[in-house]
PDB file of all heavy atoms in Angstrom:
ATOM      1  N   GLN A   1      12.183  32.442  23.250  1.00  0.00           N
ATOM      2  CA  GLN A   1      11.655  33.021  24.481  1.00  0.00           C
ATOM      3  C   GLN A   1      10.629  32.042  25.044  1.00  0.00           C
ATOM      4  O   GLN A   1       9.781  31.542  24.310  1.00  0.00           O
ATOM      5  CB  GLN A   1      10.981  34.371  24.200  1.00  0.00           C
ATOM      6  CG  GLN A   1      11.916  35.405  23.605  1.00  0.00           C
ATOM      7  CD  GLN A   1      13.057  35.742  24.540  1.00  0.00           C
ATOM      8  OE1 GLN A   1      12.887  35.898  25.742  1.00  0.00           O
ATOM      9  NE2 GLN A   1      14.251  35.846  23.976  1.00  0.00           N
ATOM     10  N   ALA A   2      10.714  31.762  26.326  1.00  0.00           N
ATOM     11  CA  ALA A   2       9.822  30.774  26.928  1.00  0.00           C
ATOM     12  C   ALA A   2       8.918  31.396  27.979  1.00  0.00           C
ATOM     13  O   ALA A   2       9.377  32.121  28.859  1.00  0.00           O
ATOM     14  CB  ALA A   2      10.640  29.656  27.563  1.00  0.00           C
ATOM     15  N   GLU A   3       7.648  31.079  27.848  1.00  0.00           N
ATOM     16  CA  GLU A   3       6.687  31.356  28.925  1.00  0.00           C
ATOM     17  C   GLU A   3       6.621  30.059  29.722  1.00  0.00           C
ATOM     18  O   GLU A   3       6.459  28.979  29.142  1.00  0.00           O
ATOM     19  CB  GLU A   3       5.305  31.680  28.368  1.00  0.00           C
ATOM     20  CG  GLU A   3       4.251  31.792  29.446  1.00  0.00           C
ATOM     21  CD  GLU A   3       2.833  31.747  28.899  1.00  0.00           C
ATOM     22  OE1 GLU A   3       2.617  32.090  27.728  1.00  0.00           O
ATOM     23  OE2 GLU A   3       1.932  31.347  29.669  1.00  0.00           O
ATOM     24  N   VAL A   4       6.752  30.137  31.030  1.00  0.00           N
ATOM     25  CA  VAL A   4       6.779  28.935  31.864  1.00  0.00           C
ATOM     26  C   VAL A   4       5.547  28.900  32.748  1.00  0.00           C
ATOM     27  O   VAL A   4       5.217  29.884  33.416  1.00  0.00           O
ATOM     28  CB  VAL A   4       8.063  28.892  32.718  1.00  0.00           C
ATOM     29  CG1 VAL A   4       8.086  27.638  33.577  1.00  0.00           C
ATOM     30  CG2 VAL A   4       9.299  28.966  31.833  1.00  0.00           C
ATOM     31  N   GLN A   5       4.867  27.767  32.729  1.00  0.00           N
ATOM     32  CA  GLN A   5       3.705  27.527  33.584  1.00  0.00           C
ATOM     33  C   GLN A   5       4.014  26.350  34.495  1.00  0.00           C
ATOM     34  O   GLN A   5       4.464  25.307  34.020  1.00  0.00           O
ATOM     35  CB  GLN A   5       2.464  27.189  32.746  1.00  0.00           C
ATOM     36  CG  GLN A   5       2.051  28.260  31.792  1.00  0.00           C
ATOM     37  CD  GLN A   5       0.888  27.809  30.910  1.00  0.00           C
ATOM     38  OE1 GLN A   5       0.473  26.653  30.924  1.00  0.00           O
ATOM     39  NE2 GLN A   5       0.366  28.734  30.135  1.00  0.00           N
ATOM     40  N   ARG A   6       3.764  26.539  35.781  1.00  0.00           N
ATOM     41  CA  ARG A   6       3.936  25.442  36.737  1.00  0.00           C
ATOM     42  C   ARG A   6       2.555  25.041  37.221  1.00  0.00           C
ATOM     43  O   ARG A   6       1.897  25.802  37.914  1.00  0.00           O
ATOM     44  CB  ARG A   6       4.796  25.903  37.907  1.00  0.00           C
ATOM     45  CG  ARG A   6       6.249  26.105  37.505  1.00  0.00           C
ATOM     46  CD  ARG A   6       7.053  26.699  38.616  1.00  0.00           C
ATOM     47  NE  ARG A   6       7.076  25.816  39.768  1.00  0.00           N
ATOM     48  CZ  ARG A   6       8.163  25.501  40.429  1.00  0.00           C
ATOM     49  NH1 ARG A   6       9.316  26.004  40.080  1.00  0.00           N
ATOM     50  NH2 ARG A   6       8.114  24.698  41.462  1.00  0.00           N
ATOM     51  N   ALA A   7       2.130  23.838  36.857  1.00  0.00           N
ATOM     52  CA  ALA A   7       0.799  23.355  37.201  1.00  0.00           C
ATOM     53  C   ALA A   7       0.844  22.421  38.404  1.00  0.00           C
ATOM     54  O   ALA A   7      -0.053  21.608  38.594  1.00  0.00           O
ATOM     55  CB  ALA A   7       0.174  22.660  35.999  1.00  0.00           C
ATOM     56  N   LEU A   8       1.894  22.521  39.198  1.00  0.00           N
ATOM     57  CA  LEU A   8       2.020  21.702  40.397  1.00  0.00           C
ATOM     58  C   LEU A   8       2.897  22.458  41.381  1.00  0.00           C
ATOM     59  O   LEU A   8       3.596  23.389  41.021  1.00  0.00           O
ATOM     60  CB  LEU A   8       2.623  20.332  40.080  1.00  0.00           C
ATOM     61  CG  LEU A   8       4.124  20.261  39.803  1.00  0.00           C
ATOM     62  CD1 LEU A   8       4.566  18.821  39.853  1.00  0.00           C
ATOM     63  CD2 LEU A   8       4.498  20.878  38.499  1.00  0.00           C
ATOM     64  N   SER A   9       2.805  22.056  42.624  1.00  0.00           N
ATOM     65  CA  SER A   9       3.622  22.705  43.658  1.00  0.00           C
ATOM     66  C   SER A   9       4.589  21.682  44.227  1.00  0.00           C
ATOM     67  O   SER A   9       4.476  21.261  45.365  1.00  0.00           O
ATOM     68  CB  SER A   9       2.736  23.298  44.752  1.00  0.00           C
ATOM     69  OG  SER A   9       1.956  22.279  45.337  1.00  0.00           O
ATOM     70  N   SER A  10       5.526  21.269  43.399  1.00  0.00           N
ATOM     71  CA  SER A  10       6.505  20.265  43.785  1.00  0.00           C
ATOM     72  C   SER A  10       7.824  20.942  44.086  1.00  0.00           C
ATOM     73  O   SER A  10       8.298  21.767  43.301  1.00  0.00           O
ATOM     74  CB  SER A  10       6.677  19.261  42.644  1.00  0.00           C
ATOM     75  OG  SER A  10       7.686  18.337  42.952  1.00  0.00           O
ATOM     76  N   SER A  11       8.415  20.593  45.199  1.00  0.00           N
ATOM     77  CA  SER A  11       9.728  21.152  45.499  1.00  0.00           C
ATOM     78  C   SER A  11      10.756  20.500  44.594  1.00  0.00           C
ATOM     79  O   SER A  11      10.597  19.366  44.151  1.00  0.00           O
ATOM     80  CB  SER A  11      10.079  20.933  46.967  1.00  0.00           C
ATOM     81  OG  SER A  11      10.215  19.553  47.226  1.00  0.00           O
ATOM     82  N   GLY A  12      11.790  21.224  44.282  1.00  0.00           N
ATOM     83  CA  GLY A  12      12.845  20.699  43.438  1.00  0.00           C
ATOM     84  C   GLY A  12      12.689  21.014  41.969  1.00  0.00           C
ATOM     85  O   GLY A  12      13.623  20.797  41.195  1.00  0.00           O
ATOM     86  N   VAL A  13      11.526  21.524  41.557  1.00  0.00           N
ATOM     87  CA  VAL A  13      11.338  21.921  40.167  1.00  0.00           C
ATOM     88  C   VAL A  13      12.106  23.229  39.962  1.00  0.00           C
ATOM     89  O   VAL A  13      11.947  24.163  40.735  1.00  0.00           O
ATOM     90  CB  VAL A  13       9.845  22.106  39.811  1.00  0.00           C
ATOM     91  CG1 VAL A  13       9.681  22.673  38.412  1.00  0.00           C
ATOM     92  CG2 VAL A  13       9.107  20.781  39.935  1.00  0.00           C
ATOM     93  N   PRO A  14      12.944  23.300  38.943  1.00  0.00           N
ATOM     94  CA  PRO A  14      13.714  24.525  38.716  1.00  0.00           C
ATOM     95  C   PRO A  14      12.825  25.754  38.514  1.00  0.00           C
ATOM     96  O   PRO A  14      11.649  25.643  38.167  1.00  0.00           O
ATOM     97  CB  PRO A  14      14.512  24.209  37.443  1.00  0.00           C
ATOM     98  CG  PRO A  14      14.581  22.717  37.412  1.00  0.00           C
ATOM     99  CD  PRO A  14      13.289  22.240  37.994  1.00  0.00           C
ATOM    100  N   SER A  15      13.421  26.899  38.684  1.00  0.00           N
ATOM    101  CA  SER A  15      12.702  28.168  38.541  1.00  0.00           C
ATOM    102  C   SER A  15      12.372  28.439  37.072  1.00  0.00           C
ATOM    103  O   SER A  15      12.997  27.878  36.159  1.00  0.00           O
ATOM    104  CB  SER A  15      13.559  29.318  39.072  1.00  0.00           C
ATOM    105  OG  SER A  15      14.687  29.497  38.233  1.00  0.00           O
ATOM    106  N   ALA A  16      11.422  29.323  36.877  1.00  0.00           N
ATOM    107  CA  ALA A  16      11.057  29.730  35.521  1.00  0.00           C
ATOM    108  C   ALA A  16      12.273  30.298  34.803  1.00  0.00           C
ATOM    109  O   ALA A  16      12.462  30.060  33.595  1.00  0.00           O
ATOM    110  CB  ALA A  16       9.936  30.761  35.562  1.00  0.00           C
ATOM    111  N   GLU A  17      13.126  30.993  35.520  1.00  0.00           N
ATOM    112  CA  GLU A  17      14.318  31.582  34.915  1.00  0.00           C
ATOM    113  C   GLU A  17      15.259  30.514  34.354  1.00  0.00           C
ATOM    114  O   GLU A  17      15.890  30.714  33.317  1.00  0.00           O
ATOM    115  CB  GLU A  17      15.057  32.462  35.931  1.00  0.00           C
ATOM    116  CG  GLU A  17      14.317  33.729  36.307  1.00  0.00           C
ATOM    117  CD  GLU A  17      13.174  33.500  37.313  1.00  0.00           C
ATOM    118  OE1 GLU A  17      13.189  32.469  38.034  1.00  0.00           O
ATOM    119  OE2 GLU A  17      12.262  34.339  37.358  1.00  0.00           O
ATOM    120  N   ARG A  18      15.362  29.369  35.044  1.00  0.00           N
ATOM    121  CA  ARG A  18      16.220  28.284  34.541  1.00  0.00           C
ATOM    122  C   ARG A  18      15.666  27.735  33.227  1.00  0.00           C
ATOM    123  O   ARG A  18      16.407  27.538  32.264  1.00  0.00           O
ATOM    124  CB  ARG A  18      16.338  27.147  35.576  1.00  0.00           C
ATOM    125  CG  ARG A  18      17.027  27.528  36.857  1.00  0.00           C
ATOM    126  CD  ARG A  18      18.454  28.017  36.694  1.00  0.00           C
ATOM    127  NE  ARG A  18      19.300  27.013  36.062  1.00  0.00           N
ATOM    128  CZ  ARG A  18      20.331  27.295  35.252  1.00  0.00           C
ATOM    129  NH1 ARG A  18      20.655  28.530  34.986  1.00  0.00           N
ATOM    130  NH2 ARG A  18      21.056  26.339  34.731  1.00  0.00           N
ATOM    131  N   PHE A  19      14.345  27.495  33.177  1.00  0.00           N
ATOM    132  CA  PHE A  19      13.736  27.000  31.939  1.00  0.00           C
ATOM    133  C   PHE A  19      13.956  28.011  30.810  1.00  0.00           C
ATOM    134  O   PHE A  19      14.243  27.621  29.676  1.00  0.00           O
ATOM    135  CB  PHE A  19      12.238  26.742  32.134  1.00  0.00           C
ATOM    136  CG  PHE A  19      11.928  25.507  32.930  1.00  0.00           C
ATOM    137  CD1 PHE A  19      11.639  25.587  34.283  1.00  0.00           C
ATOM    138  CD2 PHE A  19      11.937  24.256  32.330  1.00  0.00           C
ATOM    139  CE1 PHE A  19      11.353  24.451  35.027  1.00  0.00           C
ATOM    140  CE2 PHE A  19      11.648  23.110  33.067  1.00  0.00           C
ATOM    141  CZ  PHE A  19      11.353  23.212  34.419  1.00  0.00           C
ATOM    142  N   GLN A  20      13.820  29.294  31.116  1.00  0.00           N
ATOM    143  CA  GLN A  20      14.028  30.331  30.106  1.00  0.00           C
ATOM    144  C   GLN A  20      15.473  30.341  29.624  1.00  0.00           C
ATOM    145  O   GLN A  20      15.731  30.489  28.426  1.00  0.00           O
ATOM    146  CB  GLN A  20      13.612  31.695  30.673  1.00  0.00           C
ATOM    147  CG  GLN A  20      12.120  31.780  30.877  1.00  0.00           C
ATOM    148  CD  GLN A  20      11.691  32.893  31.819  1.00  0.00           C
ATOM    149  OE1 GLN A  20      12.504  33.473  32.526  1.00  0.00           O
ATOM    150  NE2 GLN A  20      10.396  33.178  31.837  1.00  0.00           N
ATOM    151  N   CYS A  21      16.414  30.146  30.521  1.00  0.00           N
ATOM    152  CA  CYS A  21      17.834  30.073  30.169  1.00  0.00           C
ATOM    153  C   CYS A  21      18.088  28.902  29.226  1.00  0.00           C
ATOM    154  O   CYS A  21      18.802  29.047  28.224  1.00  0.00           O
ATOM    155  CB  CYS A  21      18.666  29.944  31.446  1.00  0.00           C
ATOM    156  SG  CYS A  21      20.414  29.654  31.171  1.00  0.00           S
ATOM    157  N   TRP A  22      17.525  27.747  29.521  1.00  0.00           N
ATOM    158  CA  TRP A  22      17.708  26.568  28.678  1.00  0.00           C
ATOM    159  C   TRP A  22      17.126  26.797  27.285  1.00  0.00           C
ATOM    160  O   TRP A  22      17.716  26.410  26.282  1.00  0.00           O
ATOM    161  CB  TRP A  22      17.104  25.335  29.331  1.00  0.00           C
ATOM    162  CG  TRP A  22      17.703  25.024  30.676  1.00  0.00           C
ATOM    163  CD1 TRP A  22      18.999  25.248  31.077  1.00  0.00           C
ATOM    164  CD2 TRP A  22      17.044  24.459  31.800  1.00  0.00           C
ATOM    165  NE1 TRP A  22      19.169  24.848  32.378  1.00  0.00           N
ATOM    166  CE2 TRP A  22      17.987  24.358  32.853  1.00  0.00           C
ATOM    167  CE3 TRP A  22      15.744  24.019  32.033  1.00  0.00           C
ATOM    168  CZ2 TRP A  22      17.677  23.833  34.104  1.00  0.00           C
ATOM    169  CZ3 TRP A  22      15.423  23.491  33.278  1.00  0.00           C
ATOM    170  CH2 TRP A  22      16.383  23.404  34.301  1.00  0.00           C
ATOM    171  N   ALA A  23      15.949  27.429  27.233  1.00  0.00           N
ATOM    172  CA  ALA A  23      15.321  27.701  25.927  1.00  0.00           C
ATOM    173  C   ALA A  23      16.187  28.650  25.108  1.00  0.00           C
ATOM    174  O   ALA A  23      16.382  28.447  23.903  1.00  0.00           O
ATOM    175  CB  ALA A  23      13.925  28.282  26.132  1.00  0.00           C
ATOM    176  N   LYS A  24      16.737  29.665  25.743  1.00  0.00           N
ATOM    177  CA  LYS A  24      17.561  30.651  25.031  1.00  0.00           C
ATOM    178  C   LYS A  24      18.868  30.061  24.531  1.00  0.00           C
ATOM    179  O   LYS A  24      19.506  30.615  23.640  1.00  0.00           O
ATOM    180  CB  LYS A  24      17.842  31.849  25.937  1.00  0.00           C
ATOM    181  CG  LYS A  24      16.634  32.715  26.152  1.00  0.00           C
ATOM    182  CD  LYS A  24      16.947  33.865  27.095  1.00  0.00           C
ATOM    183  CE  LYS A  24      15.689  34.698  27.316  1.00  0.00           C
ATOM    184  NZ  LYS A  24      15.918  35.759  28.308  1.00  0.00           N
ATOM    185  N   ALA A  25      19.284  28.932  25.075  1.00  0.00           N
ATOM    186  CA  ALA A  25      20.546  28.312  24.668  1.00  0.00           C
ATOM    187  C   ALA A  25      20.451  27.613  23.310  1.00  0.00           C
ATOM    188  O   ALA A  25      21.469  27.248  22.730  1.00  0.00           O
ATOM    189  CB  ALA A  25      20.994  27.301  25.728  1.00  0.00           C
ATOM    190  N   ILE A  26      19.247  27.445  22.799  1.00  0.00           N
ATOM    191  CA  ILE A  26      19.056  26.806  21.496  1.00  0.00           C
ATOM    192  C   ILE A  26      19.141  27.883  20.415  1.00  0.00           C
ATOM    193  O   ILE A  26      18.368  28.842  20.426  1.00  0.00           O
ATOM    194  CB  ILE A  26      17.694  26.078  21.429  1.00  0.00           C
ATOM    195  CG1 ILE A  26      17.631  24.984  22.494  1.00  0.00           C
ATOM    196  CG2 ILE A  26      17.457  25.509  20.028  1.00  0.00           C
ATOM    197  CD1 ILE A  26      16.268  24.352  22.650  1.00  0.00           C
ATOM    198  N   ASP A  27      20.082  27.728  19.521  1.00  0.00           N
ATOM    199  CA  ASP A  27      20.243  28.695  18.430  1.00  0.00           C
ATOM    200  C   ASP A  27      19.041  28.642  17.496  1.00  0.00           C
ATOM    201  O   ASP A  27      18.576  27.565  17.131  1.00  0.00           O
ATOM    202  CB  ASP A  27      21.512  28.384  17.624  1.00  0.00           C
ATOM    203  CG  ASP A  27      22.771  28.588  18.438  1.00  0.00           C
ATOM    204  OD1 ASP A  27      22.785  29.481  19.299  1.00  0.00           O
ATOM    205  OD2 ASP A  27      23.743  27.845  18.208  1.00  0.00           O
ATOM    206  N   HIS A  28      18.563  29.825  17.140  1.00  0.00           N
ATOM    207  CA  HIS A  28      17.458  29.918  16.191  1.00  0.00           C
ATOM    208  C   HIS A  28      17.642  31.197  15.401  1.00  0.00           C
ATOM    209  O   HIS A  28      18.017  32.224  15.968  1.00  0.00           O
ATOM    210  CB  HIS A  28      16.102  29.907  16.918  1.00  0.00           C
ATOM    211  CG  HIS A  28      14.965  29.654  16.003  1.00  0.00           C
ATOM    212  ND1 HIS A  28      14.311  30.653  15.344  1.00  0.00           N
ATOM    213  CD2 HIS A  28      14.383  28.502  15.603  1.00  0.00           C
ATOM    214  CE1 HIS A  28      13.362  30.138  14.584  1.00  0.00           C
ATOM    215  NE2 HIS A  28      13.399  28.828  14.724  1.00  0.00           N
ATOM    216  N   PRO A  29      17.388  31.174  14.084  1.00  0.00           N
ATOM    217  CA  PRO A  29      17.668  32.357  13.268  1.00  0.00           C
ATOM    218  C   PRO A  29      16.755  33.559  13.524  1.00  0.00           C
ATOM    219  O   PRO A  29      17.105  34.678  13.166  1.00  0.00           O
ATOM    220  CB  PRO A  29      17.502  31.846  11.836  1.00  0.00           C
ATOM    221  CG  PRO A  29      16.624  30.650  11.960  1.00  0.00           C
ATOM    222  CD  PRO A  29      16.926  30.043  13.299  1.00  0.00           C
ATOM    223  N   THR A  30      15.596  33.332  14.129  1.00  0.00           N
ATOM    224  CA  THR A  30      14.680  34.434  14.407  1.00  0.00           C
ATOM    225  C   THR A  30      14.196  34.345  15.855  1.00  0.00           C
ATOM    226  O   THR A  30      14.350  33.315  16.511  1.00  0.00           O
ATOM    227  CB  THR A  30      13.439  34.398  13.479  1.00  0.00           C
ATOM    228  OG1 THR A  30      12.742  33.172  13.700  1.00  0.00           O
ATOM    229  CG2 THR A  30      13.837  34.533  12.017  1.00  0.00           C
ATOM    230  N   GLU A  31      13.612  35.421  16.312  1.00  0.00           N
ATOM    231  CA  GLU A  31      13.040  35.451  17.659  1.00  0.00           C
ATOM    232  C   GLU A  31      11.703  34.708  17.617  1.00  0.00           C
ATOM    233  O   GLU A  31      10.806  35.070  16.853  1.00  0.00           O
ATOM    234  CB  GLU A  31      12.818  36.901  18.096  1.00  0.00           C
ATOM    235  CG  GLU A  31      12.476  37.067  19.539  1.00  0.00           C
ATOM    236  CD  GLU A  31      13.701  36.993  20.439  1.00  0.00           C
ATOM    237  OE1 GLU A  31      14.832  37.147  19.957  1.00  0.00           O
ATOM    238  OE2 GLU A  31      13.503  36.784  21.640  1.00  0.00           O
ATOM    239  N   VAL A  32      11.588  33.648  18.405  1.00  0.00           N
ATOM    240  CA  VAL A  32      10.353  32.866  18.483  1.00  0.00           C
ATOM    241  C   VAL A  32      10.031  32.605  19.951  1.00  0.00           C
ATOM    242  O   VAL A  32      10.850  32.847  20.832  1.00  0.00           O
ATOM    243  CB  VAL A  32      10.470  31.524  17.712  1.00  0.00           C
ATOM    244  CG1 VAL A  32      10.562  31.754  16.210  1.00  0.00           C
ATOM    245  CG2 VAL A  32      11.646  30.713  18.198  1.00  0.00           C
ATOM    246  N   SER A  33       8.840  32.077  20.184  1.00  0.00           N
ATOM    247  CA  SER A  33       8.439  31.794  21.557  1.00  0.00           C
ATOM    248  C   SER A  33       7.816  30.410  21.660  1.00  0.00           C
ATOM    249  O   SER A  33       7.400  29.822  20.668  1.00  0.00           O
ATOM    250  CB  SER A  33       7.439  32.844  22.057  1.00  0.00           C
ATOM    251  OG  SER A  33       6.226  32.732  21.325  1.00  0.00           O
ATOM    252  N   ALA A  34       7.774  29.927  22.888  1.00  0.00           N
ATOM    253  CA  ALA A  34       7.135  28.652  23.190  1.00  0.00           C
ATOM    254  C   ALA A  34       6.662  28.702  24.631  1.00  0.00           C
ATOM    255  O   ALA A  34       7.176  29.481  25.439  1.00  0.00           O
ATOM    256  CB  ALA A  34       8.111  27.497  22.995  1.00  0.00           C
TER     257      ALA A  34
END
């Protein structure tokens, strides 16, 4: 599970949902966060 922080206002940076999707695509035996 990913918490996403955007410390800049740059156009073209993917949405928080995209980063969360990418994080969830990594197999892990337990529920963890980053």
